[in-house]
């Protein structure tokens, strides 16, 4: 079957395509700025056009491509020490999150954590002193573990890595590059699990991801261009605002459920 005939089988009207592509582009503008947030931005916008069973595997595919491209283009800026600190904590958090999916009230946990994230972001934006010493290395444990846990539970743990890296690193290029490397590792694990689970046996997901690559690339390019115009202080502040939005989104997801 040719590509054109397979494309014709996708059950979307021109309006649906416009909404889906717009949601993907907007999500990857955020990803291009902060290195996280695609599920929190695109998820609520896509539920009217796609079932959740397709949205998450689709975003994992696109995240993998986006993070790989971001890491390759800026791999020299990756903070290797911070990456090595975070990866074991992230792996432990993923294991805890997998356990939590089976044994814990994940919805209540999402509410409590969303409230915590909102409180932390508000404190960072409005209450903490303007000048602050770098975050101590031991904070890698809670930020890394909870990032992995909530990434496994809800697909939205990247903002915790962003908070930690923003408190540890001075150069925004290092923050973005290290964040992309972390998201790439996390996404690779989830991608492997989804392949084993057979979620990509539905070729329409693969075809849809292929069709949306231009929208993803446009969003990434726009996000990166925006960050070039920002100072480190403005960049960290913008990331913290995005973290606040992520916390609000977690609370909203709980209330909507």
Protein backbone atom coordinates (compact mmCIF):
# COMPACT_ATOMS: atom_id res chain seq x y z
CA UNK A 1 0.00 0.00 0.00
CA UNK A 2 1.40 3.40 -0.96
CA UNK A 3 1.99 6.22 1.48
CA UNK A 4 -0.83 8.28 -0.08
CA UNK A 5 -3.34 5.45 0.33
CA UNK A 6 -2.28 4.85 3.94
CA UNK A 7 -2.50 8.60 4.65
CA UNK A 8 -6.05 8.60 3.25
CA UNK A 9 -7.02 5.96 5.80
CA UNK A 10 -6.27 8.25 8.74
CA UNK A 11 -9.69 9.32 10.08
CA UNK A 12 -9.09 13.07 10.26
CA UNK A 13 -10.75 16.01 8.57
CA UNK A 14 -8.72 19.06 7.47
CA UNK A 15 -9.85 20.80 10.67
CA UNK A 16 -8.66 17.84 12.75
CA UNK A 17 -5.26 17.93 11.04
CA UNK A 18 -4.96 21.66 11.73
CA UNK A 19 -5.79 21.21 15.42
CA UNK A 20 -3.47 18.22 15.84
CA UNK A 21 -0.55 19.87 14.06
CA UNK A 22 -1.10 23.09 16.01
CA UNK A 23 -1.13 21.23 19.32
CA UNK A 24 2.09 19.40 18.42
CA UNK A 25 3.82 22.59 17.27
CA UNK A 26 2.85 24.42 20.48
CA UNK A 27 3.99 21.49 22.65
CA UNK A 28 7.39 21.45 20.97
CA UNK A 29 7.81 25.21 21.27
CA UNK A 30 7.66 24.54 25.02
CA UNK A 31 10.01 21.56 24.63
CA UNK A 32 12.42 23.70 22.64
CA UNK A 33 12.47 26.28 25.43
CA UNK A 34 12.54 24.07 28.51
CA UNK A 35 13.20 20.49 27.37
CA UNK A 36 9.96 19.11 28.85
CA UNK A 37 6.21 19.59 28.85
CA UNK A 38 4.94 17.95 25.66
CA UNK A 39 2.45 15.63 27.40
CA UNK A 40 1.16 18.41 29.65
CA UNK A 41 0.69 20.81 26.72
CA UNK A 42 -0.41 18.51 23.90
CA UNK A 43 -2.39 15.95 25.93
CA UNK A 44 -5.36 18.18 26.83
CA UNK A 45 -5.43 19.64 23.30
CA UNK A 46 -5.41 16.27 21.53
CA UNK A 47 -8.05 14.40 23.53
CA UNK A 48 -10.79 15.73 21.28
CA UNK A 49 -9.18 14.21 18.20
CA UNK A 50 -7.30 11.13 19.49
CA UNK A 51 -7.86 8.55 22.23
CA UNK A 52 -5.37 8.58 25.10
CA UNK A 53 -4.24 5.10 24.05
CA UNK A 54 -2.76 6.73 20.94
CA UNK A 55 -1.71 10.11 22.35
CA UNK A 56 0.90 8.77 24.80
CA UNK A 57 2.64 6.39 22.33
CA UNK A 58 2.57 9.16 19.70
CA UNK A 59 4.20 11.70 22.02
CA UNK A 60 6.81 9.16 23.15
CA UNK A 61 7.86 8.64 19.53
CA UNK A 62 8.06 12.37 18.85
CA UNK A 63 9.82 13.05 22.17
CA UNK A 64 12.43 10.44 21.31
CA UNK A 65 13.17 12.10 17.97
CA UNK A 66 13.14 15.61 19.49
CA UNK A 67 15.37 14.75 22.44
CA UNK A 68 17.81 12.83 20.23
CA UNK A 69 18.06 15.78 17.86
CA UNK A 70 18.49 18.25 20.71
CA UNK A 71 21.14 16.10 22.38
CA UNK A 72 23.13 15.52 19.20
CA UNK A 73 23.19 19.21 18.34
CA UNK A 74 24.28 20.27 21.84
CA UNK A 75 25.97 17.16 23.26
CA UNK A 76 29.14 19.10 24.17
CA UNK A 77 27.08 21.29 26.50
CA UNK A 78 25.73 18.34 28.51
CA UNK A 79 26.79 18.50 32.17
CA UNK A 80 28.11 14.97 32.55
CA UNK A 81 28.45 15.12 36.33
CA UNK A 82 24.83 16.14 36.84
CA UNK A 83 23.66 13.59 34.29
CA UNK A 84 25.48 10.78 36.12
CA UNK A 85 23.95 11.92 39.40
CA UNK A 86 20.43 12.07 38.05
CA UNK A 87 20.26 8.85 36.01
CA UNK A 88 20.38 6.35 38.95
CA UNK A 89 17.81 8.40 40.87
CA UNK A 90 15.61 8.60 37.79
CA UNK A 91 15.84 4.81 37.31
CA UNK A 92 14.86 4.24 40.94
CA UNK A 93 11.95 6.63 40.52
CA UNK A 94 10.77 4.81 37.39
CA UNK A 95 10.73 1.53 39.34
CA UNK A 96 8.75 3.18 42.16
CA UNK A 97 6.35 4.66 39.60
CA UNK A 98 5.79 1.26 37.98
CA UNK A 99 5.04 -0.19 41.42
CA UNK A 100 2.73 2.72 42.16
CA UNK A 101 0.69 2.13 39.03
CA UNK A 102 -0.36 -1.22 40.49
CA UNK A 103 -0.50 -0.57 44.23
CA UNK A 104 -1.11 3.11 44.99
CA UNK A 105 -3.91 5.63 44.53
CA UNK A 106 -2.10 7.38 41.70
CA UNK A 107 -4.86 9.97 41.22
CA UNK A 108 -4.62 11.24 44.80
CA UNK A 109 -0.85 11.22 44.54
CA UNK A 110 -1.11 13.33 41.39
CA UNK A 111 -3.25 15.91 43.24
CA UNK A 112 -0.88 16.17 46.19
CA UNK A 113 2.15 16.41 43.98
CA UNK A 114 0.51 19.00 41.74
CA UNK A 115 -0.18 21.15 44.80
CA UNK A 116 3.42 20.76 45.95
CA UNK A 117 4.76 21.76 42.51
CA UNK A 118 2.50 24.82 42.42
CA UNK A 119 3.66 25.86 45.90
CA UNK A 120 7.33 25.40 45.01
CA UNK A 121 7.01 27.33 41.75
CA UNK A 122 5.15 30.20 43.45
CA UNK A 123 7.84 30.35 46.13
CA UNK A 124 10.58 30.37 43.47
CA UNK A 125 8.87 33.10 41.45
CA UNK A 126 7.69 35.45 44.19
CA UNK A 127 9.15 34.62 47.62
CA UNK A 128 12.74 33.45 47.40
CA UNK A 129 15.62 36.00 47.53
CA UNK A 130 16.77 37.34 44.19
CA UNK A 131 20.32 36.09 44.79
CA UNK A 132 20.57 32.47 45.79
CA UNK A 133 23.47 30.05 46.25
CA UNK A 134 23.55 27.05 43.91
CA UNK A 135 21.37 24.14 45.00
CA UNK A 136 23.24 21.53 47.05
CA UNK A 137 24.07 18.25 45.25
CA UNK A 138 22.04 16.12 47.72
CA UNK A 139 18.85 17.57 46.21
CA UNK A 140 19.47 15.27 43.25
CA UNK A 141 17.91 12.43 45.26
CA UNK A 142 14.38 13.85 45.78
CA UNK A 143 14.26 15.65 42.43
CA UNK A 144 15.62 12.66 40.51
CA UNK A 145 13.52 10.03 42.28
CA UNK A 146 10.28 12.01 42.14
CA UNK A 147 10.97 12.99 38.54
CA UNK A 148 11.30 9.33 37.57
CA UNK A 149 8.29 8.36 39.68
CA UNK A 150 5.96 10.91 38.17
CA UNK A 151 7.35 10.37 34.70
CA UNK A 152 6.36 6.70 35.00
CA UNK A 153 3.01 7.44 36.63
CA UNK A 154 1.82 10.39 34.55
CA UNK A 155 4.36 10.96 31.77
CA UNK A 156 5.18 14.37 33.25
CA UNK A 157 8.26 14.31 35.45
CA UNK A 158 10.62 16.41 33.33
CA UNK A 159 9.83 19.67 35.10
CA UNK A 160 11.49 18.35 38.27
CA UNK A 161 14.74 17.73 36.40
CA UNK A 162 14.41 21.28 35.06
CA UNK A 163 14.06 22.71 38.57
CA UNK A 164 17.11 20.80 39.79
CA UNK A 165 19.27 21.68 36.79
CA UNK A 166 18.24 25.35 36.95
CA UNK A 167 19.40 25.42 40.54
CA UNK A 168 22.70 23.71 39.81
CA UNK A 169 23.92 25.01 36.46
CA UNK A 170 24.73 28.54 35.37
CA UNK A 171 24.60 28.25 31.58
CA UNK A 172 21.18 27.91 30.00
CA UNK A 173 22.76 25.88 27.17
CA UNK A 174 23.92 23.32 29.75
CA UNK A 175 20.49 23.21 31.34
CA UNK A 176 18.73 22.57 28.03
CA UNK A 177 21.30 20.05 26.75
CA UNK A 178 21.37 18.04 30.00
CA UNK A 179 17.58 18.14 30.21
CA UNK A 180 17.35 16.79 26.64
CA UNK A 181 19.78 13.97 27.46
CA UNK A 182 17.69 13.01 30.51
CA UNK A 183 14.43 13.08 28.60
CA UNK A 184 16.06 11.01 25.85
CA UNK A 185 17.08 8.30 28.34
CA UNK A 186 13.63 8.29 29.96
CA UNK A 187 11.88 8.20 26.60
CA UNK A 188 14.07 5.36 25.34
CA UNK A 189 12.99 3.23 28.30
CA UNK A 190 9.31 3.99 27.72
CA UNK A 191 9.68 3.44 23.99
CA UNK A 192 11.12 -0.01 24.63
CA UNK A 193 8.30 -0.88 27.02
CA UNK A 194 5.69 0.27 24.50
CA UNK A 195 7.29 -1.81 21.76
CA UNK A 196 7.26 -4.88 24.01
CA UNK A 197 3.62 -4.19 24.87
CA UNK A 198 2.74 -4.08 21.17
CA UNK A 199 1.43 -0.52 21.16
CA UNK A 200 3.17 0.21 17.87
CA UNK A 201 1.60 -2.72 16.11
CA UNK A 202 -0.98 -0.13 15.06
CA UNK A 203 0.79 1.34 12.04
CA UNK A 204 -1.47 4.39 12.08
CA UNK A 205 0.43 5.68 15.12
CA UNK A 206 3.71 5.39 13.23
CA UNK A 207 2.21 7.07 10.17
CA UNK A 208 0.72 9.86 12.26
CA UNK A 209 4.06 10.48 13.95
CA UNK A 210 5.74 10.66 10.54
CA UNK A 211 3.17 13.17 9.31
CA UNK A 212 3.63 15.35 12.38
CA UNK A 213 7.42 15.57 12.21
CA UNK A 214 7.30 18.93 10.34
CA UNK A 215 5.05 20.44 13.05
CA UNK A 216 7.39 19.09 15.72
CA UNK A 217 10.45 20.51 13.93
CA UNK A 218 8.78 23.92 13.55
CA UNK A 219 7.94 24.02 17.25
CA UNK A 220 11.48 23.03 18.26
CA UNK A 221 13.03 25.64 15.98
CA UNK A 222 10.75 28.35 17.34
CA UNK A 223 11.45 27.39 20.95
CA UNK A 224 15.20 27.40 20.43
CA UNK A 225 15.10 30.76 18.69
CA UNK A 226 13.19 32.20 21.63
CA UNK A 227 15.74 30.93 24.17
CA UNK A 228 18.59 32.61 22.27
CA UNK A 229 17.03 35.97 23.09
CA UNK A 230 16.78 35.27 26.82
CA UNK A 231 19.29 35.89 29.61
CA UNK A 232 19.90 33.06 32.06
CA UNK A 233 17.71 34.77 34.68
CA UNK A 234 14.86 35.22 32.23
CA UNK A 235 15.31 31.64 31.01
CA UNK A 236 15.13 30.18 34.56
CA UNK A 237 12.12 32.36 35.34
CA UNK A 238 10.34 31.19 32.18
CA UNK A 239 11.08 27.56 33.02
CA UNK A 240 9.66 28.12 36.52
CA UNK A 241 6.47 29.58 35.03
CA UNK A 242 6.21 26.47 32.86
CA UNK A 243 6.69 24.34 35.97
CA UNK A 244 3.83 26.23 37.65
CA UNK A 245 1.65 25.53 34.61
CA UNK A 246 2.63 21.86 34.87
CA UNK A 247 1.54 21.75 38.50
CA UNK A 248 -1.77 23.42 37.66
CA UNK A 249 -2.25 20.89 34.86
CA UNK A 250 -1.72 17.98 37.30
CA UNK A 251 -4.32 19.41 39.68
CA UNK A 252 -6.71 20.00 36.77
CA UNK A 253 -6.25 16.42 35.54
CA UNK A 254 -7.20 15.16 39.00
CA UNK A 255 -10.28 17.38 39.21
CA UNK A 256 -11.35 16.54 35.65
CA UNK A 257 -11.09 12.81 36.38
